[in-house]
């Protein structure tokens, strides 16, 4: 492998010219991402010494800073493009995260959570309820796109659809667990209080539950609409 420059030197000597050739229309926006978010963080690092986890950490730190999610995605895409180009030029040999591994989907988060439970000797089968009841469309979403209100609505809709109270409680607890894990891992910037989720089961299913009336009514309306449509 050739002598490896710093990230900043590589950008100045090679990458900026490549941007001008390959993406002249998007060059200014991509230069802004480099200047504001990437080079201040890792510009002084030797290119070949930057690790896979360093790239993930940079994107996740930007996520935690509460800049818009679309900007975080653009930063992740630019990081990937930069290090893939460095690898093409023989200046970097490490693995480069796929975009989905910078900011994983809910499906990926569930897998990570199950693996972590197994690693610490806990029962990973508690994630089975997530596999069963979290809709495919939600599993495809980025973790960072899921608000606490979406989680609450999901539990309410399952309760409205007739899911047994015990399963509703299991789903609520599993959602709390997996998103708490995501928060601790730097993948999620909202806070999901346990009481918030556990209060979302169908009225009466949990003692003393405080239920958001608007969501309950919306869930009932949707359930009634489905019943009429059958």
C-alpha atoms as a PDB file:
ATOM      1  CA  UNK A   1       0.000   0.000   0.000  1.00  0.00           C
ATOM      2  CA  UNK A   2       1.181   3.525  -0.746  1.00  0.00           C
ATOM      3  CA  UNK A   3       2.088   6.004   1.983  1.00  0.00           C
ATOM      4  CA  UNK A   4      -1.184   7.148   3.531  1.00  0.00           C
ATOM      5  CA  UNK A   5      -1.825  10.873   3.937  1.00  0.00           C
ATOM      6  CA  UNK A   6      -4.135  12.425   6.492  1.00  0.00           C
ATOM      7  CA  UNK A   7      -7.807  12.550   5.614  1.00  0.00           C
ATOM      8  CA  UNK A   8      -7.581  16.310   5.075  1.00  0.00           C
ATOM      9  CA  UNK A   9      -4.583  15.958   2.740  1.00  0.00           C
ATOM     10  CA  UNK A  10      -6.303  13.239   0.743  1.00  0.00           C
ATOM     11  CA  UNK A  11      -9.398  15.413   0.347  1.00  0.00           C
ATOM     12  CA  UNK A  12      -7.319  18.402  -0.750  1.00  0.00           C
ATOM     13  CA  UNK A  13      -5.002  16.508  -3.097  1.00  0.00           C
ATOM     14  CA  UNK A  14      -7.368  13.988  -4.693  1.00  0.00           C
ATOM     15  CA  UNK A  15     -10.944  13.840  -3.511  1.00  0.00           C
ATOM     16  CA  UNK A  16     -12.003  17.403  -4.331  1.00  0.00           C
ATOM     17  CA  UNK A  17     -10.857  16.947  -7.921  1.00  0.00           C
ATOM     18  CA  UNK A  18     -12.776  13.683  -8.100  1.00  0.00           C
ATOM     19  CA  UNK A  19     -15.930  15.444  -6.872  1.00  0.00           C
ATOM     20  CA  UNK A  20     -15.553  18.070  -9.582  1.00  0.00           C
ATOM     21  CA  UNK A  21     -15.341  15.336 -12.241  1.00  0.00           C
ATOM     22  CA  UNK A  22     -17.908  12.899 -10.915  1.00  0.00           C
ATOM     23  CA  UNK A  23     -20.567  15.169  -9.396  1.00  0.00           C
ATOM     24  CA  UNK A  24     -20.191  18.774 -10.554  1.00  0.00           C
ATOM     25  CA  UNK A  25     -23.832  19.595  -9.760  1.00  0.00           C
ATOM     26  CA  UNK A  26     -23.589  18.340  -6.187  1.00  0.00           C
ATOM     27  CA  UNK A  27     -20.048  19.452  -5.508  1.00  0.00           C
ATOM     28  CA  UNK A  28     -20.865  22.535  -3.404  1.00  0.00           C
ATOM     29  CA  UNK A  29     -23.233  20.659  -1.089  1.00  0.00           C
ATOM     30  CA  UNK A  30     -20.753  17.822  -0.650  1.00  0.00           C
ATOM     31  CA  UNK A  31     -17.888  20.249  -0.015  1.00  0.00           C
ATOM     32  CA  UNK A  32     -20.032  21.805   2.716  1.00  0.00           C
ATOM     33  CA  UNK A  33     -20.520  18.415   4.370  1.00  0.00           C
ATOM     34  CA  UNK A  34     -16.791  17.800   4.277  1.00  0.00           C
ATOM     35  CA  UNK A  35     -15.948  21.240   5.660  1.00  0.00           C
ATOM     36  CA  UNK A  36     -18.580  21.419   8.388  1.00  0.00           C
ATOM     37  CA  UNK A  37     -18.880  17.860   9.620  1.00  0.00           C
ATOM     38  CA  UNK A  38     -16.214  15.444   8.377  1.00  0.00           C
ATOM     39  CA  UNK A  39     -12.868  17.239   8.271  1.00  0.00           C
ATOM     40  CA  UNK A  40     -13.255  18.924  11.679  1.00  0.00           C
ATOM     41  CA  UNK A  41     -13.812  15.477  13.177  1.00  0.00           C
ATOM     42  CA  UNK A  42     -11.259  13.287  11.389  1.00  0.00           C
ATOM     43  CA  UNK A  43      -9.271  15.565   9.073  1.00  0.00           C
ATOM     44  CA  UNK A  44      -6.049  15.226  11.067  1.00  0.00           C
ATOM     45  CA  UNK A  45      -6.281  11.430  11.271  1.00  0.00           C
ATOM     46  CA  UNK A  46      -4.002   9.319   9.058  1.00  0.00           C
ATOM     47  CA  UNK A  47      -6.315   7.926   6.397  1.00  0.00           C
ATOM     48  CA  UNK A  48      -5.316   4.281   6.731  1.00  0.00           C
ATOM     49  CA  UNK A  49      -5.711   4.393  10.541  1.00  0.00           C
ATOM     50  CA  UNK A  50      -9.390   5.362  10.479  1.00  0.00           C
ATOM     51  CA  UNK A  51     -11.454   2.375  11.575  1.00  0.00           C
ATOM     52  CA  UNK A  52     -14.896   1.123  10.608  1.00  0.00           C
ATOM     53  CA  UNK A  53     -16.186   2.028  14.072  1.00  0.00           C
ATOM     54  CA  UNK A  54     -14.740   5.550  13.744  1.00  0.00           C
ATOM     55  CA  UNK A  55     -16.873   6.161  10.658  1.00  0.00           C
ATOM     56  CA  UNK A  56     -19.966   4.852  12.421  1.00  0.00           C
ATOM     57  CA  UNK A  57     -19.182   6.932  15.504  1.00  0.00           C
ATOM     58  CA  UNK A  58     -18.884  10.136  13.488  1.00  0.00           C
ATOM     59  CA  UNK A  59     -22.306   9.682  11.890  1.00  0.00           C
ATOM     60  CA  UNK A  60     -23.864   8.731  15.213  1.00  0.00           C
ATOM     61  CA  UNK A  61     -22.324  11.718  16.997  1.00  0.00           C
ATOM     62  CA  UNK A  62     -23.849  13.953  14.340  1.00  0.00           C
ATOM     63  CA  UNK A  63     -27.176  12.215  14.928  1.00  0.00           C
ATOM     64  CA  UNK A  64     -26.909  12.897  18.664  1.00  0.00           C
ATOM     65  CA  UNK A  65     -26.259  16.589  17.941  1.00  0.00           C
ATOM     66  CA  UNK A  66     -29.865  16.810  16.673  1.00  0.00           C
ATOM     67  CA  UNK A  67     -29.078  18.171  13.235  1.00  0.00           C
ATOM     68  CA  UNK A  68     -31.717  17.169  10.663  1.00  0.00           C
ATOM     69  CA  UNK A  69     -31.845  13.465   9.875  1.00  0.00           C
ATOM     70  CA  UNK A  70     -31.454  14.135   6.146  1.00  0.00           C
ATOM     71  CA  UNK A  71     -28.146  15.885   6.907  1.00  0.00           C
ATOM     72  CA  UNK A  72     -26.943  12.936   8.978  1.00  0.00           C
ATOM     73  CA  UNK A  73     -27.782  10.630   6.072  1.00  0.00           C
ATOM     74  CA  UNK A  74     -25.886  12.885   3.689  1.00  0.00           C
ATOM     75  CA  UNK A  75     -22.856  12.847   6.017  1.00  0.00           C
ATOM     76  CA  UNK A  76     -22.960   9.040   6.132  1.00  0.00           C
ATOM     77  CA  UNK A  77     -23.199   8.864   2.337  1.00  0.00           C
ATOM     78  CA  UNK A  78     -20.251  11.272   1.964  1.00  0.00           C
ATOM     79  CA  UNK A  79     -18.133   9.322   4.450  1.00  0.00           C
ATOM     80  CA  UNK A  80     -18.811   6.150   2.525  1.00  0.00           C
ATOM     81  CA  UNK A  81     -18.017   7.772  -0.823  1.00  0.00           C
ATOM     82  CA  UNK A  82     -14.789   9.275   0.533  1.00  0.00           C
ATOM     83  CA  UNK A  83     -13.418   6.028   1.955  1.00  0.00           C
ATOM     84  CA  UNK A  84     -14.543   3.892  -0.973  1.00  0.00           C
ATOM     85  CA  UNK A  85     -12.646   6.286  -3.260  1.00  0.00           C
ATOM     86  CA  UNK A  86      -9.576   6.076  -1.005  1.00  0.00           C
ATOM     87  CA  UNK A  87      -9.759   2.295  -1.235  1.00  0.00           C
ATOM     88  CA  UNK A  88      -9.996   2.472  -5.027  1.00  0.00           C
ATOM     89  CA  UNK A  89      -6.763   4.505  -5.016  1.00  0.00           C
ATOM     90  CA  UNK A  90      -4.960   1.988  -2.826  1.00  0.00           C
ATOM     91  CA  UNK A  91      -4.701   4.343   0.153  1.00  0.00           C
ATOM     92  CA  UNK A  92      -7.179   2.601   2.442  1.00  0.00           C
ATOM     93  CA  UNK A  93      -7.681  -1.110   3.041  1.00  0.00           C
ATOM     94  CA  UNK A  94     -10.248  -1.181   5.832  1.00  0.00           C
ATOM     95  CA  UNK A  95     -13.917  -2.083   5.479  1.00  0.00           C
ATOM     96  CA  UNK A  96     -16.345   0.758   4.801  1.00  0.00           C
ATOM     97  CA  UNK A  97     -19.814   0.566   6.377  1.00  0.00           C
ATOM     98  CA  UNK A  98     -22.812   0.200   4.137  1.00  0.00           C
ATOM     99  CA  UNK A  99     -25.212   3.115   4.512  1.00  0.00           C
ATOM    100  CA  UNK A 100     -27.623   0.935   6.494  1.00  0.00           C
ATOM    101  CA  UNK A 101     -24.854   0.243   9.015  1.00  0.00           C
ATOM    102  CA  UNK A 102     -24.272   3.911   9.735  1.00  0.00           C
ATOM    103  CA  UNK A 103     -27.901   4.389  10.792  1.00  0.00           C
ATOM    104  CA  UNK A 104     -29.494   0.954  10.959  1.00  0.00           C
ATOM    105  CA  UNK A 105     -33.099   0.153  10.223  1.00  0.00           C
ATOM    106  CA  UNK A 106     -35.500  -1.044  12.902  1.00  0.00           C
ATOM    107  CA  UNK A 107     -35.029  -4.571  11.498  1.00  0.00           C
ATOM    108  CA  UNK A 108     -31.272  -4.241  11.950  1.00  0.00           C
ATOM    109  CA  UNK A 109     -31.728  -2.809  15.442  1.00  0.00           C
ATOM    110  CA  UNK A 110     -33.804  -5.816  16.503  1.00  0.00           C
ATOM    111  CA  UNK A 111     -31.016  -8.125  15.299  1.00  0.00           C
ATOM    112  CA  UNK A 112     -28.388  -6.089  17.167  1.00  0.00           C
ATOM    113  CA  UNK A 113     -30.495  -6.151  20.331  1.00  0.00           C
ATOM    114  CA  UNK A 114     -30.971  -9.915  20.148  1.00  0.00           C
ATOM    115  CA  UNK A 115     -27.226 -10.397  19.693  1.00  0.00           C
ATOM    116  CA  UNK A 116     -26.471  -8.139  22.664  1.00  0.00           C
ATOM    117  CA  UNK A 117     -28.936 -10.038  24.875  1.00  0.00           C
ATOM    118  CA  UNK A 118     -27.213 -13.295  23.959  1.00  0.00           C
ATOM    119  CA  UNK A 119     -23.785 -11.746  24.555  1.00  0.00           C
ATOM    120  CA  UNK A 120     -24.662 -10.829  28.141  1.00  0.00           C
ATOM    121  CA  UNK A 121     -26.367 -14.150  28.815  1.00  0.00           C
ATOM    122  CA  UNK A 122     -29.991 -13.015  28.652  1.00  0.00           C
ATOM    123  CA  UNK A 123     -32.880 -14.617  26.796  1.00  0.00           C
ATOM    124  CA  UNK A 124     -32.923 -13.233  23.241  1.00  0.00           C
ATOM    125  CA  UNK A 125     -36.368 -14.759  22.641  1.00  0.00           C
ATOM    126  CA  UNK A 126     -37.864 -11.616  24.174  1.00  0.00           C
ATOM    127  CA  UNK A 127     -37.315 -10.056  20.740  1.00  0.00           C
ATOM    128  CA  UNK A 128     -39.679 -12.605  19.150  1.00  0.00           C
ATOM    129  CA  UNK A 129     -42.645 -10.372  19.962  1.00  0.00           C
ATOM    130  CA  UNK A 130     -41.011  -7.600  17.931  1.00  0.00           C
ATOM    131  CA  UNK A 131     -40.554  -9.904  14.953  1.00  0.00           C
ATOM    132  CA  UNK A 132     -44.210 -10.939  15.162  1.00  0.00           C
ATOM    133  CA  UNK A 133     -45.941  -7.617  15.683  1.00  0.00           C
ATOM    134  CA  UNK A 134     -43.790  -4.777  14.317  1.00  0.00           C
ATOM    135  CA  UNK A 135     -45.080  -4.163  10.761  1.00  0.00           C
ATOM    136  CA  UNK A 136     -42.711  -4.736   7.848  1.00  0.00           C
ATOM    137  CA  UNK A 137     -43.041  -1.087   6.809  1.00  0.00           C
ATOM    138  CA  UNK A 138     -41.835   0.050  10.248  1.00  0.00           C
ATOM    139  CA  UNK A 139     -38.966  -2.468  10.224  1.00  0.00           C
ATOM    140  CA  UNK A 140     -37.681  -0.864   7.021  1.00  0.00           C
ATOM    141  CA  UNK A 141     -37.536   2.610   8.577  1.00  0.00           C
ATOM    142  CA  UNK A 142     -34.344   4.072   9.986  1.00  0.00           C
ATOM    143  CA  UNK A 143     -34.243   3.874  13.772  1.00  0.00           C
ATOM    144  CA  UNK A 144     -33.744   7.636  13.945  1.00  0.00           C
ATOM    145  CA  UNK A 145     -37.048   8.207  12.102  1.00  0.00           C
ATOM    146  CA  UNK A 146     -39.147   6.503  14.788  1.00  0.00           C
ATOM    147  CA  UNK A 147     -40.609   8.901  17.331  1.00  0.00           C
ATOM    148  CA  UNK A 148     -41.988   7.850  20.732  1.00  0.00           C
ATOM    149  CA  UNK A 149     -45.441   8.754  19.406  1.00  0.00           C
ATOM    150  CA  UNK A 150     -45.019   6.209  16.589  1.00  0.00           C
ATOM    151  CA  UNK A 151     -44.131   3.516  19.129  1.00  0.00           C
ATOM    152  CA  UNK A 152     -47.128   4.428  21.247  1.00  0.00           C
ATOM    153  CA  UNK A 153     -49.440   4.357  18.239  1.00  0.00           C
ATOM    154  CA  UNK A 154     -48.094   0.957  17.217  1.00  0.00           C
ATOM    155  CA  UNK A 155     -48.943  -0.564  20.587  1.00  0.00           C
ATOM    156  CA  UNK A 156     -52.371   1.089  20.602  1.00  0.00           C
ATOM    157  CA  UNK A 157     -53.181  -0.210  17.140  1.00  0.00           C
ATOM    158  CA  UNK A 158     -52.242  -3.748  18.109  1.00  0.00           C
ATOM    159  CA  UNK A 159     -54.444  -3.468  21.195  1.00  0.00           C
ATOM    160  CA  UNK A 160     -57.312  -2.112  19.078  1.00  0.00           C
ATOM    161  CA  UNK A 161     -56.920  -5.023  16.681  1.00  0.00           C
ATOM    162  CA  UNK A 162     -57.607  -7.461  19.521  1.00  0.00           C
ATOM    163  CA  UNK A 163     -54.138  -8.530  20.572  1.00  0.00           C
ATOM    164  CA  UNK A 164     -54.401 -10.193  24.021  1.00  0.00           C
ATOM    165  CA  UNK A 165     -53.438  -7.872  26.909  1.00  0.00           C
ATOM    166  CA  UNK A 166     -50.466 -10.058  27.852  1.00  0.00           C
ATOM    167  CA  UNK A 167     -49.063  -9.776  24.331  1.00  0.00           C
ATOM    168  CA  UNK A 168     -49.701  -6.027  24.309  1.00  0.00           C
ATOM    169  CA  UNK A 169     -47.686  -5.671  27.500  1.00  0.00           C
ATOM    170  CA  UNK A 170     -44.909  -7.882  26.110  1.00  0.00           C
ATOM    171  CA  UNK A 171     -44.755  -5.778  22.931  1.00  0.00           C
ATOM    172  CA  UNK A 172     -44.632  -2.519  24.907  1.00  0.00           C
ATOM    173  CA  UNK A 173     -41.838  -3.801  27.146  1.00  0.00           C
ATOM    174  CA  UNK A 174     -39.867  -5.147  24.181  1.00  0.00           C
ATOM    175  CA  UNK A 175     -40.169  -1.829  22.339  1.00  0.00           C
ATOM    176  CA  UNK A 176     -38.956   0.012  25.415  1.00  0.00           C
ATOM    177  CA  UNK A 177     -36.031  -2.387  25.751  1.00  0.00           C
ATOM    178  CA  UNK A 178     -34.885  -2.231  22.136  1.00  0.00           C
ATOM    179  CA  UNK A 179     -35.137   1.564  21.878  1.00  0.00           C
ATOM    180  CA  UNK A 180     -33.446   2.035  25.242  1.00  0.00           C
ATOM    181  CA  UNK A 181     -30.637  -0.118  23.847  1.00  0.00           C
ATOM    182  CA  UNK A 182     -30.581   2.058  20.708  1.00  0.00           C
ATOM    183  CA  UNK A 183     -30.339   5.209  22.828  1.00  0.00           C
ATOM    184  CA  UNK A 184     -27.435   3.822  24.869  1.00  0.00           C
ATOM    185  CA  UNK A 185     -25.684   2.767  21.637  1.00  0.00           C
ATOM    186  CA  UNK A 186     -25.989   6.266  20.178  1.00  0.00           C
ATOM    187  CA  UNK A 187     -28.467   5.188  17.494  1.00  0.00           C
ATOM    188  CA  UNK A 188     -31.545   7.001  18.820  1.00  0.00           C
ATOM    189  CA  UNK A 189     -31.847  10.543  20.084  1.00  0.00           C
ATOM    190  CA  UNK A 190     -35.361  10.549  21.525  1.00  0.00           C
ATOM    191  CA  UNK A 191     -36.215   9.284  24.994  1.00  0.00           C
ATOM    192  CA  UNK A 192     -38.886   6.621  25.437  1.00  0.00           C
ATOM    193  CA  UNK A 193     -39.945   6.619  29.106  1.00  0.00           C
ATOM    194  CA  UNK A 194     -41.019   3.151  30.208  1.00  0.00           C
ATOM    195  CA  UNK A 195     -44.263   4.494  31.659  1.00  0.00           C
ATOM    196  CA  UNK A 196     -45.063   6.135  28.330  1.00  0.00           C
ATOM    197  CA  UNK A 197     -45.056   2.812  26.487  1.00  0.00           C
ATOM    198  CA  UNK A 198     -46.582   0.728  29.247  1.00  0.00           C
ATOM    199  CA  UNK A 199     -49.443   3.218  29.490  1.00  0.00           C
ATOM    200  CA  UNK A 200     -50.423   2.540  25.896  1.00  0.00           C
ATOM    201  CA  UNK A 201     -52.143  -0.823  26.308  1.00  0.00           C
ATOM    202  CA  UNK A 202     -55.904  -0.970  25.883  1.00  0.00           C
ATOM    203  CA  UNK A 203     -57.832   0.804  28.675  1.00  0.00           C
ATOM    204  CA  UNK A 204     -58.037  -1.486  31.697  1.00  0.00           C
ATOM    205  CA  UNK A 205     -55.324  -3.870  30.492  1.00  0.00           C
ATOM    206  CA  UNK A 206     -52.803  -2.219  32.783  1.00  0.00           C
ATOM    207  CA  UNK A 207     -53.800  -0.926  36.239  1.00  0.00           C
ATOM    208  CA  UNK A 208     -53.704   2.829  36.395  1.00  0.00           C
ATOM    209  CA  UNK A 209     -52.799   3.202  32.722  1.00  0.00           C
ATOM    210  CA  UNK A 210     -52.964   6.730  31.373  1.00  0.00           C
ATOM    211  CA  UNK A 211     -54.083   6.529  27.777  1.00  0.00           C
ATOM    212  CA  UNK A 212     -53.898   9.213  25.094  1.00  0.00           C
ATOM    213  CA  UNK A 213     -57.566   9.603  24.174  1.00  0.00           C
ATOM    214  CA  UNK A 214     -56.889  10.845  20.664  1.00  0.00           C
ATOM    215  CA  UNK A 215     -54.866   7.771  19.784  1.00  0.00           C
ATOM    216  CA  UNK A 216     -57.423   5.459  21.404  1.00  0.00           C
ATOM    217  CA  UNK A 217     -60.222   7.032  19.367  1.00  0.00           C
ATOM    218  CA  UNK A 218     -58.178   6.857  16.172  1.00  0.00           C
ATOM    219  CA  UNK A 219     -57.383   3.206  16.830  1.00  0.00           C
ATOM    220  CA  UNK A 220     -61.054   2.406  17.470  1.00  0.00           C
ATOM    221  CA  UNK A 221     -62.106   4.252  14.321  1.00  0.00           C
ATOM    222  CA  UNK A 222     -59.629   2.347  12.181  1.00  0.00           C
ATOM    223  CA  UNK A 223     -60.661  -0.952  13.736  1.00  0.00           C
ATOM    224  CA  UNK A 224     -64.345  -0.159  13.153  1.00  0.00           C
ATOM    225  CA  UNK A 225     -63.627   0.868   9.567  1.00  0.00           C
ATOM    226  CA  UNK A 226     -61.867  -2.437   8.886  1.00  0.00           C
ATOM    227  CA  UNK A 227     -64.767  -4.356  10.406  1.00  0.00           C
ATOM    228  CA  UNK A 228     -67.309  -2.558   8.233  1.00  0.00           C
ATOM    229  CA  UNK A 229     -65.202  -3.141   5.139  1.00  0.00           C
ATOM    230  CA  UNK A 230     -65.132  -6.904   5.580  1.00  0.00           C
END
